[in-house]
Amino acid sequence: MTSDIENSILKKLYNQYFENYVIGFRKTTLEDELSPNNPNDVRMALNSLADNFLISLENNQYKITVFGIKYLEEKELVDSLQHQNRRNKIISILKGFYEKDTDHYVSHEIILKELKLSGPIEILSDMKYLKDEGYLYLQLYLGGSFETKLTNAGYELSKGI
């Protein structure tokens, strides 16, 4: 069972992931914000979360993992409806292309048009999540543009959406 500090850390990292998945939080930042009087409580929570694969330490920054995202969403500890709906819509869009040609990559412009979004930055975190879950291949380019296609696992998932 996770503690209040662990849940606070996970929620903070979840929000950061969907703002910009590249940037995480340093240990000292989390200590200062969540338990300035007893930073060891935060350190113990970080160790527990990392041991359970809910977070990872990359380049001296803590980031949430797909397991951490799934944990928060399944326990309904965050408002995830927007992200879940968007991910399902992305999978649904890619399904038609997969059925025509499994090797065809779809440009970000097509997905943005279908989702009525203004730029690729708005969905990069959702795309990264789907890639990390093994549902799609993702080719990222400078400026946030990308190309993508479903994996077989993504196609199987699309049948249930």
N, C-alpha and C. Protein backbone atom coordinates (compact mmCIF):
# COMPACT_ATOMS: atom_id res chain seq x y z
N MET A 1 0.85 -1.18 0.00
CA MET A 1 0.00 0.00 0.00
C MET A 1 0.89 1.24 0.00
N THR A 2 0.56 2.17 -0.81
CA THR A 2 1.40 3.36 -0.91
C THR A 2 1.00 4.38 0.15
N SER A 3 1.97 5.13 0.59
CA SER A 3 1.75 6.17 1.59
C SER A 3 1.28 7.46 0.92
N ASP A 4 0.90 8.41 1.75
CA ASP A 4 0.48 9.71 1.22
C ASP A 4 1.62 10.39 0.48
N ILE A 5 2.83 10.28 1.01
CA ILE A 5 3.98 10.91 0.34
C ILE A 5 4.22 10.22 -1.01
N GLU A 6 4.12 8.90 -1.04
CA GLU A 6 4.31 8.18 -2.31
C GLU A 6 3.26 8.60 -3.33
N ASN A 7 2.00 8.70 -2.90
CA ASN A 7 0.95 9.14 -3.82
C ASN A 7 1.19 10.57 -4.29
N SER A 8 1.65 11.43 -3.40
CA SER A 8 1.95 12.81 -3.78
C SER A 8 3.06 12.86 -4.83
N ILE A 9 4.08 12.04 -4.62
CA ILE A 9 5.18 11.98 -5.59
C ILE A 9 4.66 11.48 -6.93
N LEU A 10 3.90 10.40 -6.92
CA LEU A 10 3.37 9.84 -8.17
C LEU A 10 2.50 10.84 -8.91
N LYS A 11 1.63 11.53 -8.20
CA LYS A 11 0.75 12.51 -8.85
C LYS A 11 1.56 13.65 -9.46
N LYS A 12 2.57 14.10 -8.72
CA LYS A 12 3.43 15.18 -9.23
C LYS A 12 4.16 14.73 -10.50
N LEU A 13 4.68 13.52 -10.48
CA LEU A 13 5.40 13.00 -11.65
C LEU A 13 4.45 12.71 -12.81
N TYR A 14 3.23 12.29 -12.51
CA TYR A 14 2.21 12.05 -13.54
C TYR A 14 1.90 13.37 -14.26
N ASN A 15 1.62 14.40 -13.50
CA ASN A 15 1.31 15.71 -14.11
C ASN A 15 2.48 16.22 -14.94
N GLN A 16 3.70 16.02 -14.43
CA GLN A 16 4.87 16.46 -15.18
C GLN A 16 5.02 15.67 -16.47
N TYR A 17 4.76 14.37 -16.42
CA TYR A 17 4.88 13.52 -17.60
C TYR A 17 3.99 14.05 -18.72
N PHE A 18 2.75 14.41 -18.40
CA PHE A 18 1.84 14.85 -19.43
C PHE A 18 2.02 16.32 -19.79
N GLU A 19 2.84 17.03 -19.03
CA GLU A 19 3.27 18.37 -19.45
C GLU A 19 4.46 18.26 -20.39
N ASN A 20 5.45 17.46 -19.97
CA ASN A 20 6.65 17.24 -20.75
C ASN A 20 7.36 16.01 -20.20
N TYR A 21 7.22 14.89 -20.90
CA TYR A 21 7.75 13.62 -20.40
C TYR A 21 9.27 13.59 -20.31
N VAL A 22 9.95 14.52 -20.93
CA VAL A 22 11.41 14.55 -20.92
C VAL A 22 11.95 15.04 -19.58
N ILE A 23 11.20 15.90 -18.93
CA ILE A 23 11.67 16.54 -17.70
C ILE A 23 11.09 15.83 -16.48
N GLY A 24 11.94 15.54 -15.53
CA GLY A 24 11.51 14.94 -14.27
C GLY A 24 11.78 15.89 -13.12
N PHE A 25 11.90 15.34 -11.93
CA PHE A 25 12.18 16.14 -10.73
C PHE A 25 13.39 15.58 -10.01
N ARG A 26 14.22 16.47 -9.54
CA ARG A 26 15.37 16.08 -8.73
C ARG A 26 14.89 15.72 -7.32
N LYS A 27 15.67 14.88 -6.66
CA LYS A 27 15.33 14.45 -5.31
C LYS A 27 15.18 15.64 -4.37
N THR A 28 16.09 16.60 -4.47
CA THR A 28 16.05 17.75 -3.55
C THR A 28 14.79 18.58 -3.76
N THR A 29 14.33 18.70 -4.99
CA THR A 29 13.11 19.44 -5.27
C THR A 29 11.92 18.75 -4.60
N LEU A 30 11.84 17.45 -4.73
CA LEU A 30 10.75 16.69 -4.12
C LEU A 30 10.83 16.77 -2.59
N GLU A 31 12.04 16.68 -2.05
CA GLU A 31 12.21 16.79 -0.59
C GLU A 31 11.74 18.15 -0.09
N ASP A 32 12.15 19.22 -0.78
CA ASP A 32 11.78 20.57 -0.36
C ASP A 32 10.28 20.81 -0.43
N GLU A 33 9.63 20.26 -1.46
CA GLU A 33 8.21 20.51 -1.65
C GLU A 33 7.32 19.62 -0.79
N LEU A 34 7.73 18.37 -0.58
CA LEU A 34 6.83 17.41 0.05
C LEU A 34 7.10 17.16 1.53
N SER A 35 8.31 17.35 1.97
CA SER A 35 8.62 17.09 3.38
C SER A 35 9.88 17.86 3.79
N PRO A 36 9.78 19.20 3.83
CA PRO A 36 10.97 19.99 4.13
C PRO A 36 11.54 19.73 5.53
N ASN A 37 10.68 19.32 6.47
CA ASN A 37 11.16 19.08 7.83
C ASN A 37 11.79 17.71 8.01
N ASN A 38 11.42 16.76 7.14
CA ASN A 38 11.98 15.42 7.23
C ASN A 38 12.20 14.85 5.83
N PRO A 39 13.27 15.28 5.16
CA PRO A 39 13.50 14.84 3.78
C PRO A 39 13.72 13.33 3.66
N ASN A 40 14.07 12.66 4.74
CA ASN A 40 14.27 11.21 4.66
C ASN A 40 12.96 10.48 4.36
N ASP A 41 11.83 11.06 4.76
CA ASP A 41 10.53 10.46 4.42
C ASP A 41 10.36 10.39 2.90
N VAL A 42 10.77 11.45 2.20
CA VAL A 42 10.68 11.48 0.74
C VAL A 42 11.65 10.48 0.15
N ARG A 43 12.85 10.39 0.70
CA ARG A 43 13.84 9.44 0.19
C ARG A 43 13.35 8.00 0.33
N MET A 44 12.73 7.69 1.47
CA MET A 44 12.19 6.33 1.66
C MET A 44 11.06 6.06 0.66
N ALA A 45 10.21 7.06 0.44
CA ALA A 45 9.11 6.90 -0.52
C ALA A 45 9.67 6.70 -1.93
N LEU A 46 10.68 7.48 -2.30
CA LEU A 46 11.30 7.33 -3.62
C LEU A 46 11.89 5.93 -3.79
N ASN A 47 12.55 5.44 -2.77
CA ASN A 47 13.12 4.09 -2.84
C ASN A 47 12.03 3.04 -3.01
N SER A 48 10.95 3.18 -2.27
CA SER A 48 9.85 2.23 -2.37
C SER A 48 9.22 2.26 -3.76
N LEU A 49 8.96 3.45 -4.27
CA LEU A 49 8.36 3.59 -5.60
C LEU A 49 9.27 3.03 -6.69
N ALA A 50 10.56 3.28 -6.57
CA ALA A 50 11.51 2.76 -7.55
C ALA A 50 11.59 1.23 -7.46
N ASP A 51 11.58 0.69 -6.25
CA ASP A 51 11.62 -0.77 -6.08
C ASP A 51 10.40 -1.44 -6.69
N ASN A 52 9.29 -0.73 -6.73
CA ASN A 52 8.06 -1.28 -7.30
C ASN A 52 7.87 -0.87 -8.77
N PHE A 53 8.90 -0.28 -9.37
CA PHE A 53 8.92 0.10 -10.79
C PHE A 53 7.85 1.13 -11.16
N LEU A 54 7.41 1.90 -10.18
CA LEU A 54 6.43 2.95 -10.45
C LEU A 54 7.10 4.25 -10.89
N ILE A 55 8.37 4.41 -10.53
CA ILE A 55 9.17 5.55 -10.97
C ILE A 55 10.56 5.04 -11.35
N SER A 56 11.29 5.89 -12.06
CA SER A 56 12.67 5.56 -12.40
C SER A 56 13.53 6.80 -12.23
N LEU A 57 14.81 6.58 -12.05
CA LEU A 57 15.77 7.67 -11.92
C LEU A 57 16.59 7.71 -13.20
N GLU A 58 16.45 8.81 -13.95
CA GLU A 58 17.16 8.98 -15.21
C GLU A 58 17.86 10.32 -15.21
N ASN A 59 19.16 10.32 -15.40
CA ASN A 59 19.94 11.55 -15.43
C ASN A 59 19.68 12.42 -14.21
N ASN A 60 19.67 11.79 -13.05
CA ASN A 60 19.49 12.49 -11.78
C ASN A 60 18.09 13.09 -11.61
N GLN A 61 17.14 12.64 -12.39
CA GLN A 61 15.76 13.12 -12.28
C GLN A 61 14.82 11.92 -12.15
N TYR A 62 13.86 12.06 -11.26
CA TYR A 62 12.84 11.02 -11.11
C TYR A 62 11.72 11.27 -12.10
N LYS A 63 11.28 10.16 -12.74
CA LYS A 63 10.18 10.21 -13.71
C LYS A 63 9.26 9.04 -13.44
N ILE A 64 8.01 9.23 -13.77
CA ILE A 64 7.04 8.16 -13.61
C ILE A 64 7.20 7.16 -14.75
N THR A 65 6.95 5.90 -14.46
CA THR A 65 7.01 4.86 -15.49
C THR A 65 5.58 4.57 -15.98
N VAL A 66 5.47 3.77 -17.02
CA VAL A 66 4.14 3.38 -17.49
C VAL A 66 3.40 2.61 -16.40
N PHE A 67 4.13 1.87 -15.58
CA PHE A 67 3.49 1.15 -14.48
C PHE A 67 2.92 2.14 -13.46
N GLY A 68 3.65 3.22 -13.21
CA GLY A 68 3.17 4.25 -12.30
C GLY A 68 1.93 4.94 -12.84
N ILE A 69 1.94 5.22 -14.14
CA ILE A 69 0.78 5.84 -14.78
C ILE A 69 -0.43 4.92 -14.68
N LYS A 70 -0.22 3.66 -15.02
CA LYS A 70 -1.33 2.69 -14.95
C LYS A 70 -1.85 2.55 -13.52
N TYR A 71 -0.95 2.53 -12.55
CA TYR A 71 -1.35 2.42 -11.15
C TYR A 71 -2.27 3.58 -10.77
N LEU A 72 -1.85 4.81 -11.05
CA LEU A 72 -2.66 5.98 -10.69
C LEU A 72 -4.00 5.98 -11.41
N GLU A 73 -3.99 5.63 -12.69
CA GLU A 73 -5.23 5.64 -13.47
C GLU A 73 -6.18 4.53 -13.02
N GLU A 74 -5.65 3.36 -12.76
CA GLU A 74 -6.51 2.25 -12.32
C GLU A 74 -7.09 2.49 -10.94
N LYS A 75 -6.33 3.11 -10.06
CA LYS A 75 -6.80 3.42 -8.71
C LYS A 75 -7.64 4.70 -8.69
N GLU A 76 -7.74 5.35 -9.86
CA GLU A 76 -8.50 6.60 -10.01
C GLU A 76 -8.01 7.68 -9.05
N LEU A 77 -6.69 7.76 -8.91
CA LEU A 77 -6.08 8.77 -8.05
C LEU A 77 -5.80 10.06 -8.82
N VAL A 78 -5.97 10.03 -10.14
CA VAL A 78 -5.79 11.21 -10.99
C VAL A 78 -6.95 11.28 -11.97
N ASP A 79 -7.18 12.47 -12.49
CA ASP A 79 -8.21 12.65 -13.52
C ASP A 79 -7.56 12.31 -14.87
N SER A 80 -7.79 11.10 -15.32
CA SER A 80 -7.09 10.59 -16.50
C SER A 80 -7.98 10.43 -17.72
N LEU A 81 -9.23 10.79 -17.61
CA LEU A 81 -10.18 10.54 -18.69
C LEU A 81 -9.73 11.15 -20.02
N GLN A 82 -9.23 12.37 -19.98
CA GLN A 82 -8.77 13.04 -21.20
C GLN A 82 -7.66 12.24 -21.87
N HIS A 83 -6.69 11.79 -21.09
CA HIS A 83 -5.56 11.04 -21.66
C HIS A 83 -6.00 9.67 -22.15
N GLN A 84 -6.84 8.99 -21.39
CA GLN A 84 -7.30 7.67 -21.81
C GLN A 84 -8.12 7.77 -23.10
N ASN A 85 -9.00 8.75 -23.18
CA ASN A 85 -9.80 8.94 -24.40
C ASN A 85 -8.92 9.28 -25.59
N ARG A 86 -7.93 10.13 -25.36
CA ARG A 86 -7.03 10.52 -26.45
C ARG A 86 -6.22 9.32 -26.93
N ARG A 87 -5.73 8.52 -26.02
CA ARG A 87 -4.95 7.33 -26.41
C ARG A 87 -5.82 6.35 -27.19
N ASN A 88 -7.05 6.16 -26.74
CA ASN A 88 -7.96 5.27 -27.46
C ASN A 88 -8.25 5.79 -28.86
N LYS A 89 -8.43 7.09 -28.98
CA LYS A 89 -8.69 7.70 -30.29
C LYS A 89 -7.48 7.54 -31.22
N ILE A 90 -6.28 7.71 -30.68
CA ILE A 90 -5.06 7.53 -31.48
C ILE A 90 -4.99 6.10 -32.00
N ILE A 91 -5.24 5.14 -31.13
CA ILE A 91 -5.22 3.73 -31.54
C ILE A 91 -6.27 3.48 -32.62
N SER A 92 -7.46 4.05 -32.44
CA SER A 92 -8.54 3.88 -33.43
C SER A 92 -8.17 4.47 -34.78
N ILE A 93 -7.54 5.63 -34.77
CA ILE A 93 -7.11 6.27 -36.02
C ILE A 93 -6.10 5.38 -36.74
N LEU A 94 -5.14 4.86 -36.00
CA LEU A 94 -4.08 4.06 -36.60
C LEU A 94 -4.57 2.69 -37.06
N LYS A 95 -5.66 2.21 -36.49
CA LYS A 95 -6.19 0.89 -36.85
C LYS A 95 -6.50 0.79 -38.35
N GLY A 96 -7.15 1.80 -38.90
CA GLY A 96 -7.50 1.78 -40.32
C GLY A 96 -6.28 1.72 -41.21
N PHE A 97 -5.24 2.44 -40.85
CA PHE A 97 -4.01 2.42 -41.64
C PHE A 97 -3.33 1.07 -41.54
N TYR A 98 -3.34 0.47 -40.36
CA TYR A 98 -2.73 -0.84 -40.14
C TYR A 98 -3.42 -1.90 -40.98
N GLU A 99 -4.74 -1.83 -41.06
CA GLU A 99 -5.50 -2.82 -41.83
C GLU A 99 -5.25 -2.71 -43.33
N LYS A 100 -4.87 -1.52 -43.80
CA LYS A 100 -4.55 -1.34 -45.22
C LYS A 100 -3.11 -1.73 -45.53
N ASP A 101 -2.17 -1.37 -44.64
CA ASP A 101 -0.76 -1.64 -44.86
C ASP A 101 -0.04 -1.60 -43.52
N THR A 102 0.38 -2.76 -43.02
CA THR A 102 1.01 -2.82 -41.70
C THR A 102 2.34 -2.08 -41.64
N ASP A 103 2.95 -1.80 -42.79
CA ASP A 103 4.25 -1.13 -42.82
C ASP A 103 4.15 0.38 -42.97
N HIS A 104 2.95 0.90 -43.17
CA HIS A 104 2.76 2.33 -43.43
C HIS A 104 2.83 3.15 -42.14
N TYR A 105 3.73 4.14 -42.14
CA TYR A 105 3.81 5.08 -41.03
C TYR A 105 2.86 6.25 -41.31
N VAL A 106 2.19 6.71 -40.27
CA VAL A 106 1.23 7.80 -40.37
C VAL A 106 1.89 9.06 -39.80
N SER A 107 1.80 10.17 -40.52
CA SER A 107 2.41 11.41 -40.04
C SER A 107 1.57 12.03 -38.94
N HIS A 108 2.23 12.84 -38.13
CA HIS A 108 1.54 13.50 -37.03
C HIS A 108 0.41 14.40 -37.52
N GLU A 109 0.54 14.95 -38.74
CA GLU A 109 -0.49 15.84 -39.26
C GLU A 109 -1.85 15.16 -39.34
N ILE A 110 -1.86 13.91 -39.74
CA ILE A 110 -3.12 13.16 -39.87
C ILE A 110 -3.77 12.98 -38.51
N ILE A 111 -2.98 12.61 -37.53
CA ILE A 111 -3.53 12.40 -36.18
C ILE A 111 -4.01 13.72 -35.59
N LEU A 112 -3.22 14.78 -35.78
CA LEU A 112 -3.62 16.09 -35.25
C LEU A 112 -4.93 16.57 -35.87
N LYS A 113 -5.07 16.34 -37.16
CA LYS A 113 -6.30 16.74 -37.85
C LYS A 113 -7.51 15.99 -37.29
N GLU A 114 -7.36 14.69 -37.11
CA GLU A 114 -8.45 13.87 -36.58
C GLU A 114 -8.82 14.28 -35.14
N LEU A 115 -7.81 14.62 -34.36
CA LEU A 115 -8.04 15.00 -32.96
C LEU A 115 -8.35 16.49 -32.79
N LYS A 116 -8.27 17.23 -33.90
CA LYS A 116 -8.51 18.68 -33.88
C LYS A 116 -7.57 19.40 -32.91
N LEU A 117 -6.28 19.09 -33.04
CA LEU A 117 -5.25 19.71 -32.21
C LEU A 117 -4.37 20.59 -33.07
N SER A 118 -3.71 21.54 -32.45
CA SER A 118 -2.92 22.51 -33.21
C SER A 118 -1.47 22.10 -33.44
N GLY A 119 -0.91 21.24 -32.59
CA GLY A 119 0.48 20.88 -32.78
C GLY A 119 0.83 19.56 -32.12
N PRO A 120 1.92 18.95 -32.58
CA PRO A 120 2.29 17.63 -32.07
C PRO A 120 2.69 17.62 -30.60
N ILE A 121 3.15 18.75 -30.09
CA ILE A 121 3.57 18.81 -28.69
C ILE A 121 2.41 18.43 -27.76
N GLU A 122 1.18 18.70 -28.20
CA GLU A 122 0.01 18.43 -27.37
C GLU A 122 -0.21 16.94 -27.09
N ILE A 123 0.33 16.07 -27.95
CA ILE A 123 0.08 14.64 -27.75
C ILE A 123 1.35 13.80 -27.63
N LEU A 124 2.50 14.43 -27.58
CA LEU A 124 3.74 13.64 -27.51
C LEU A 124 3.79 12.73 -26.29
N SER A 125 3.31 13.19 -25.15
CA SER A 125 3.34 12.34 -23.96
C SER A 125 2.44 11.12 -24.12
N ASP A 126 1.27 11.31 -24.71
CA ASP A 126 0.39 10.17 -24.95
C ASP A 126 1.01 9.22 -25.97
N MET A 127 1.67 9.75 -26.98
CA MET A 127 2.34 8.91 -27.98
C MET A 127 3.47 8.11 -27.32
N LYS A 128 4.25 8.76 -26.48
CA LYS A 128 5.35 8.09 -25.79
C LYS A 128 4.80 6.98 -24.89
N TYR A 129 3.72 7.26 -24.20
CA TYR A 129 3.09 6.25 -23.34
C TYR A 129 2.69 5.02 -24.17
N LEU A 130 2.02 5.25 -25.29
CA LEU A 130 1.59 4.14 -26.15
C LEU A 130 2.79 3.36 -26.70
N LYS A 131 3.85 4.08 -27.03
CA LYS A 131 5.08 3.42 -27.50
C LYS A 131 5.66 2.55 -26.38
N ASP A 132 5.78 3.12 -25.19
CA ASP A 132 6.37 2.39 -24.06
C ASP A 132 5.52 1.18 -23.66
N GLU A 133 4.23 1.25 -23.91
CA GLU A 133 3.35 0.12 -23.63
C GLU A 133 3.44 -0.95 -24.72
N GLY A 134 4.11 -0.62 -25.83
CA GLY A 134 4.28 -1.58 -26.91
C GLY A 134 3.15 -1.58 -27.92
N TYR A 135 2.33 -0.52 -27.93
CA TYR A 135 1.18 -0.46 -28.83
C TYR A 135 1.49 0.21 -30.16
N LEU A 136 2.59 0.94 -30.24
CA LEU A 136 2.93 1.56 -31.51
C LEU A 136 4.42 1.80 -31.62
N TYR A 137 4.84 1.96 -32.87
CA TYR A 137 6.20 2.39 -33.17
C TYR A 137 6.14 3.90 -33.32
N LEU A 138 7.20 4.57 -32.92
CA LEU A 138 7.20 6.02 -32.94
C LEU A 138 8.56 6.53 -33.41
N GLN A 139 8.55 7.30 -34.50
CA GLN A 139 9.74 7.96 -35.01
C GLN A 139 9.61 9.44 -34.68
N LEU A 140 10.45 9.95 -33.79
CA LEU A 140 10.41 11.36 -33.40
C LEU A 140 11.41 12.16 -34.20
N TYR A 141 11.03 13.38 -34.53
CA TYR A 141 11.89 14.29 -35.28
C TYR A 141 11.99 15.62 -34.56
N LEU A 142 12.94 16.44 -34.97
CA LEU A 142 13.12 17.75 -34.36
C LEU A 142 11.83 18.57 -34.43
N GLY A 143 11.58 19.33 -33.38
CA GLY A 143 10.41 20.18 -33.35
C GLY A 143 9.15 19.48 -32.89
N GLY A 144 9.27 18.20 -32.53
CA GLY A 144 8.12 17.47 -32.02
C GLY A 144 7.31 16.73 -33.06
N SER A 145 7.69 16.84 -34.33
CA SER A 145 6.95 16.09 -35.34
C SER A 145 7.28 14.60 -35.20
N PHE A 146 6.41 13.77 -35.73
CA PHE A 146 6.64 12.34 -35.62
C PHE A 146 5.87 11.58 -36.69
N GLU A 147 6.25 10.31 -36.83
CA GLU A 147 5.52 9.34 -37.64
C GLU A 147 5.31 8.13 -36.75
N THR A 148 4.20 7.43 -37.00
CA THR A 148 3.87 6.32 -36.13
C THR A 148 3.08 5.25 -36.88
N LYS A 149 3.09 4.07 -36.32
CA LYS A 149 2.24 2.99 -36.82
C LYS A 149 2.00 2.02 -35.67
N LEU A 150 0.94 1.25 -35.78
CA LEU A 150 0.60 0.29 -34.74
C LEU A 150 1.54 -0.90 -34.76
N THR A 151 1.71 -1.48 -33.61
CA THR A 151 2.31 -2.81 -33.50
C THR A 151 1.16 -3.81 -33.54
N ASN A 152 1.46 -5.08 -33.59
CA ASN A 152 0.40 -6.07 -33.54
C ASN A 152 -0.37 -5.96 -32.21
N ALA A 153 0.34 -5.70 -31.13
CA ALA A 153 -0.33 -5.53 -29.82
C ALA A 153 -1.29 -4.34 -29.86
N GLY A 154 -0.89 -3.26 -30.52
CA GLY A 154 -1.77 -2.11 -30.67
C GLY A 154 -3.00 -2.44 -31.49
N TYR A 155 -2.80 -3.24 -32.52
CA TYR A 155 -3.93 -3.65 -33.35
C TYR A 155 -4.90 -4.51 -32.55
N GLU A 156 -4.38 -5.44 -31.78
CA GLU A 156 -5.23 -6.28 -30.94
C GLU A 156 -6.00 -5.43 -29.94
N LEU A 157 -5.34 -4.43 -29.37
CA LEU A 157 -6.00 -3.51 -28.44
C LEU A 157 -7.12 -2.76 -29.15
N SER A 158 -6.88 -2.36 -30.39
CA SER A 158 -7.86 -1.56 -31.14
C SER A 158 -9.17 -2.31 -31.37
N LYS A 159 -9.11 -3.61 -31.37
CA LYS A 159 -10.32 -4.40 -31.59
C LYS A 159 -11.29 -4.28 -30.43
N GLY A 160 -10.77 -3.94 -29.25
CA GLY A 160 -11.62 -3.80 -28.08
C GLY A 160 -12.06 -2.38 -27.78
N ILE A 161 -11.61 -1.45 -28.61
CA ILE A 161 -11.95 -0.03 -28.37
C ILE A 161 -13.20 0.33 -29.14
